[in-house]
Amino acid sequence: MLESYLPVLFQIIIACGFAGVTLLISVLIGRAARRTKIKDSPYECGMLPLQEGQPRFSVKFYIVAMLFVLFDIEVVFLYPWAVIYKDYLAAFGPGIFFAALSFVSILGVAFAYAWKKGVLDWKS
């Protein structure tokens, strides 16, 4: 049985070896190329970098994005449930309804908590 895992082990060893050798070569070559003022100057565009490259986003943006993903996943899980609901209800009884109800209630509590904390209030 262990012989069937031997190719996987070889692949892992080769992948780790390749990554290690690549990093080692990068460090060795990187030491040879010292940074100078000329090398750090802007190239071709002619504009001097006066500020950071990326503007900072508000934390609210990320919180709303995470809430969107959370409720989007809820819809992804509820759609197949709705498709098989009638067949499952006829075969096994009302257990599927209470499973989905507990799932939705947990997400409802999360939504109420976010609403109470003012996460969805854009004015503040």
C-alpha atoms as a PDB file:
ATOM      1  CA  MET A   1       0.000   0.000   0.000  1.00  0.00           C
ATOM      2  CA  LEU A   2       2.852   2.395   0.795  1.00  0.00           C
ATOM      3  CA  GLU A   3       4.319   1.928  -2.693  1.00  0.00           C
ATOM      4  CA  SER A   4       1.312   3.680  -4.225  1.00  0.00           C
ATOM      5  CA  TYR A   5       2.206   6.870  -2.301  1.00  0.00           C
ATOM      6  CA  LEU A   6       5.814   6.867  -3.486  1.00  0.00           C
ATOM      7  CA  PRO A   7       5.166   9.037  -6.602  1.00  0.00           C
ATOM      8  CA  VAL A   8       3.359  11.596  -4.442  1.00  0.00           C
ATOM      9  CA  LEU A   9       6.305  11.668  -2.040  1.00  0.00           C
ATOM     10  CA  PHE A  10       8.716  12.180  -4.937  1.00  0.00           C
ATOM     11  CA  GLN A  11       6.587  15.010  -6.293  1.00  0.00           C
ATOM     12  CA  ILE A  12       6.517  16.728  -2.905  1.00  0.00           C
ATOM     13  CA  ILE A  13      10.292  16.354  -2.551  1.00  0.00           C
ATOM     14  CA  ILE A  14      10.905  17.728  -6.051  1.00  0.00           C
ATOM     15  CA  ALA A  15       8.509  20.671  -5.492  1.00  0.00           C
ATOM     16  CA  CYS A  16      10.105  21.592  -2.142  1.00  0.00           C
ATOM     17  CA  GLY A  17      13.579  21.182  -3.623  1.00  0.00           C
ATOM     18  CA  PHE A  18      12.719  23.398  -6.582  1.00  0.00           C
ATOM     19  CA  ALA A  19      11.299  26.085  -4.285  1.00  0.00           C
ATOM     20  CA  GLY A  20      14.338  25.953  -2.016  1.00  0.00           C
ATOM     21  CA  VAL A  21      16.839  26.086  -4.875  1.00  0.00           C
ATOM     22  CA  THR A  22      14.953  28.960  -6.518  1.00  0.00           C
ATOM     23  CA  LEU A  23      14.960  30.960  -3.280  1.00  0.00           C
ATOM     24  CA  LEU A  24      18.633  30.224  -2.691  1.00  0.00           C
ATOM     25  CA  ILE A  25      19.590  31.359  -6.197  1.00  0.00           C
ATOM     26  CA  SER A  26      17.476  34.487  -5.779  1.00  0.00           C
ATOM     27  CA  VAL A  27      19.253  35.377  -2.532  1.00  0.00           C
ATOM     28  CA  LEU A  28      22.682  34.754  -4.032  1.00  0.00           C
ATOM     29  CA  ILE A  29      22.007  36.749  -7.191  1.00  0.00           C
ATOM     30  CA  GLY A  30      20.152  39.454  -5.248  1.00  0.00           C
ATOM     31  CA  ARG A  31      23.224  40.151  -3.120  1.00  0.00           C
ATOM     32  CA  ALA A  32      25.246  40.880  -6.234  1.00  0.00           C
ATOM     33  CA  ALA A  33      22.830  43.550  -7.423  1.00  0.00           C
ATOM     34  CA  ARG A  34      23.231  46.387  -4.932  1.00  0.00           C
ATOM     35  CA  ARG A  35      20.689  49.187  -4.864  1.00  0.00           C
ATOM     36  CA  THR A  36      21.802  52.634  -5.909  1.00  0.00           C
ATOM     37  CA  LYS A  37      20.066  55.963  -6.360  1.00  0.00           C
ATOM     38  CA  ILE A  38      20.089  55.502 -10.142  1.00  0.00           C
ATOM     39  CA  LYS A  39      18.501  52.035  -9.912  1.00  0.00           C
ATOM     40  CA  ASP A  40      15.764  53.297  -7.604  1.00  0.00           C
ATOM     41  CA  SER A  41      14.862  56.261  -9.827  1.00  0.00           C
ATOM     42  CA  PRO A  42      11.643  56.170 -11.914  1.00  0.00           C
ATOM     43  CA  TYR A  43      11.952  54.402 -15.235  1.00  0.00           C
ATOM     44  CA  GLU A  44      10.414  55.637 -18.494  1.00  0.00           C
ATOM     45  CA  CYS A  45       7.406  57.471 -17.044  1.00  0.00           C
ATOM     46  CA  GLY A  46       9.437  60.351 -15.658  1.00  0.00           C
ATOM     47  CA  MET A  47       7.109  60.980 -12.718  1.00  0.00           C
ATOM     48  CA  LEU A  48       8.590  60.973  -9.266  1.00  0.00           C
ATOM     49  CA  PRO A  49       6.713  58.853  -6.708  1.00  0.00           C
ATOM     50  CA  LEU A  50       5.386  61.409  -4.225  1.00  0.00           C
ATOM     51  CA  GLN A  51       2.960  59.259  -2.251  1.00  0.00           C
ATOM     52  CA  GLU A  52       2.040  55.664  -1.554  1.00  0.00           C
ATOM     53  CA  GLY A  53       1.111  53.501  -4.507  1.00  0.00           C
ATOM     54  CA  GLN A  54      -2.257  52.358  -3.184  1.00  0.00           C
ATOM     55  CA  PRO A  55      -4.762  54.565  -1.359  1.00  0.00           C
ATOM     56  CA  ARG A  56      -6.010  53.285   1.990  1.00  0.00           C
ATOM     57  CA  PHE A  57      -9.543  51.953   2.169  1.00  0.00           C
ATOM     58  CA  SER A  58     -11.798  52.375   5.155  1.00  0.00           C
ATOM     59  CA  VAL A  59     -12.230  49.365   7.421  1.00  0.00           C
ATOM     60  CA  LYS A  60     -15.984  49.613   6.790  1.00  0.00           C
ATOM     61  CA  PHE A  61     -15.347  48.647   3.177  1.00  0.00           C
ATOM     62  CA  TYR A  62     -13.811  45.337   4.235  1.00  0.00           C
ATOM     63  CA  ILE A  63     -16.473  44.626   6.848  1.00  0.00           C
ATOM     64  CA  VAL A  64     -19.271  45.179   4.342  1.00  0.00           C
ATOM     65  CA  ALA A  65     -17.406  43.007   1.839  1.00  0.00           C
ATOM     66  CA  MET A  66     -17.141  40.183   4.395  1.00  0.00           C
ATOM     67  CA  LEU A  67     -20.849  40.511   5.216  1.00  0.00           C
ATOM     68  CA  PHE A  68     -21.662  40.347   1.515  1.00  0.00           C
ATOM     69  CA  VAL A  69     -19.624  37.146   1.157  1.00  0.00           C
ATOM     70  CA  LEU A  70     -21.308  35.692   4.251  1.00  0.00           C
ATOM     71  CA  PHE A  71     -24.828  36.257   2.968  1.00  0.00           C
ATOM     72  CA  ASP A  72     -23.878  35.330  -0.573  1.00  0.00           C
ATOM     73  CA  ILE A  73     -22.713  31.934   0.705  1.00  0.00           C
ATOM     74  CA  GLU A  74     -26.017  31.622   2.540  1.00  0.00           C
ATOM     75  CA  VAL A  75     -27.853  31.915  -0.766  1.00  0.00           C
ATOM     76  CA  VAL A  76     -25.495  29.391  -2.370  1.00  0.00           C
ATOM     77  CA  PHE A  77     -26.368  26.842   0.329  1.00  0.00           C
ATOM     78  CA  LEU A  78     -30.095  27.596   0.368  1.00  0.00           C
ATOM     79  CA  TYR A  79     -30.666  27.219  -3.376  1.00  0.00           C
ATOM     80  CA  PRO A  80     -29.918  23.453  -3.544  1.00  0.00           C
ATOM     81  CA  TRP A  81     -31.914  23.014  -0.342  1.00  0.00           C
ATOM     82  CA  ALA A  82     -34.942  24.648  -1.969  1.00  0.00           C
ATOM     83  CA  VAL A  83     -34.580  22.459  -5.049  1.00  0.00           C
ATOM     84  CA  ILE A  84     -34.689  19.161  -3.130  1.00  0.00           C
ATOM     85  CA  TYR A  85     -37.077  20.298  -0.371  1.00  0.00           C
ATOM     86  CA  LYS A  86     -40.282  18.642  -1.667  1.00  0.00           C
ATOM     87  CA  ASP A  87     -38.649  15.312  -2.452  1.00  0.00           C
ATOM     88  CA  TYR A  88     -36.765  15.171   0.836  1.00  0.00           C
ATOM     89  CA  LEU A  89     -39.837  16.223   2.827  1.00  0.00           C
ATOM     90  CA  ALA A  90     -41.895  13.411   1.295  1.00  0.00           C
ATOM     91  CA  ALA A  91     -39.170  10.842   1.944  1.00  0.00           C
ATOM     92  CA  PHE A  92     -37.794  11.757   5.374  1.00  0.00           C
ATOM     93  CA  GLY A  93     -40.152  14.189   7.064  1.00  0.00           C
ATOM     94  CA  PRO A  94     -39.709  17.732   8.384  1.00  0.00           C
ATOM     95  CA  GLY A  95     -36.061  17.344   9.487  1.00  0.00           C
ATOM     96  CA  ILE A  96     -34.799  19.291   6.497  1.00  0.00           C
ATOM     97  CA  PHE A  97     -36.907  22.302   7.430  1.00  0.00           C
ATOM     98  CA  PHE A  98     -35.473  22.524  10.943  1.00  0.00           C
ATOM     99  CA  ALA A  99     -31.912  22.118   9.661  1.00  0.00           C
ATOM    100  CA  ALA A 100     -32.376  25.034   7.261  1.00  0.00           C
ATOM    101  CA  LEU A 101     -34.177  27.042   9.948  1.00  0.00           C
ATOM    102  CA  SER A 102     -31.228  26.665  12.321  1.00  0.00           C
ATOM    103  CA  PHE A 103     -28.823  27.668   9.527  1.00  0.00           C
ATOM    104  CA  VAL A 104     -30.827  30.785   8.668  1.00  0.00           C
ATOM    105  CA  SER A 105     -31.336  31.708  12.324  1.00  0.00           C
ATOM    106  CA  ILE A 106     -27.582  31.629  13.015  1.00  0.00           C
ATOM    107  CA  LEU A 107     -26.997  33.936  10.062  1.00  0.00           C
ATOM    108  CA  GLY A 108     -29.923  36.100  11.191  1.00  0.00           C
ATOM    109  CA  VAL A 109     -28.279  36.553  14.580  1.00  0.00           C
ATOM    110  CA  ALA A 110     -25.047  37.552  12.818  1.00  0.00           C
ATOM    111  CA  PHE A 111     -26.951  40.068  10.684  1.00  0.00           C
ATOM    112  CA  ALA A 112     -28.738  41.526  13.726  1.00  0.00           C
ATOM    113  CA  TYR A 113     -25.412  41.854  15.544  1.00  0.00           C
ATOM    114  CA  ALA A 114     -23.841  43.651  12.583  1.00  0.00           C
ATOM    115  CA  TRP A 115     -26.849  45.940  12.292  1.00  0.00           C
ATOM    116  CA  LYS A 116     -26.766  46.748  16.024  1.00  0.00           C
ATOM    117  CA  LYS A 117     -23.043  47.564  15.856  1.00  0.00           C
ATOM    118  CA  GLY A 118     -23.734  50.019  13.018  1.00  0.00           C
ATOM    119  CA  VAL A 119     -21.678  48.218  10.410  1.00  0.00           C
ATOM    120  CA  LEU A 120     -24.234  48.924   7.698  1.00  0.00           C
ATOM    121  CA  ASP A 121     -24.515  52.627   8.569  1.00  0.00           C
ATOM    122  CA  TRP A 122     -22.504  54.494   5.926  1.00  0.00           C
ATOM    123  CA  LYS A 123     -22.840  57.933   7.476  1.00  0.00           C
ATOM    124  CA  SER A 124     -20.617  57.343  10.474  1.00  0.00           C
END
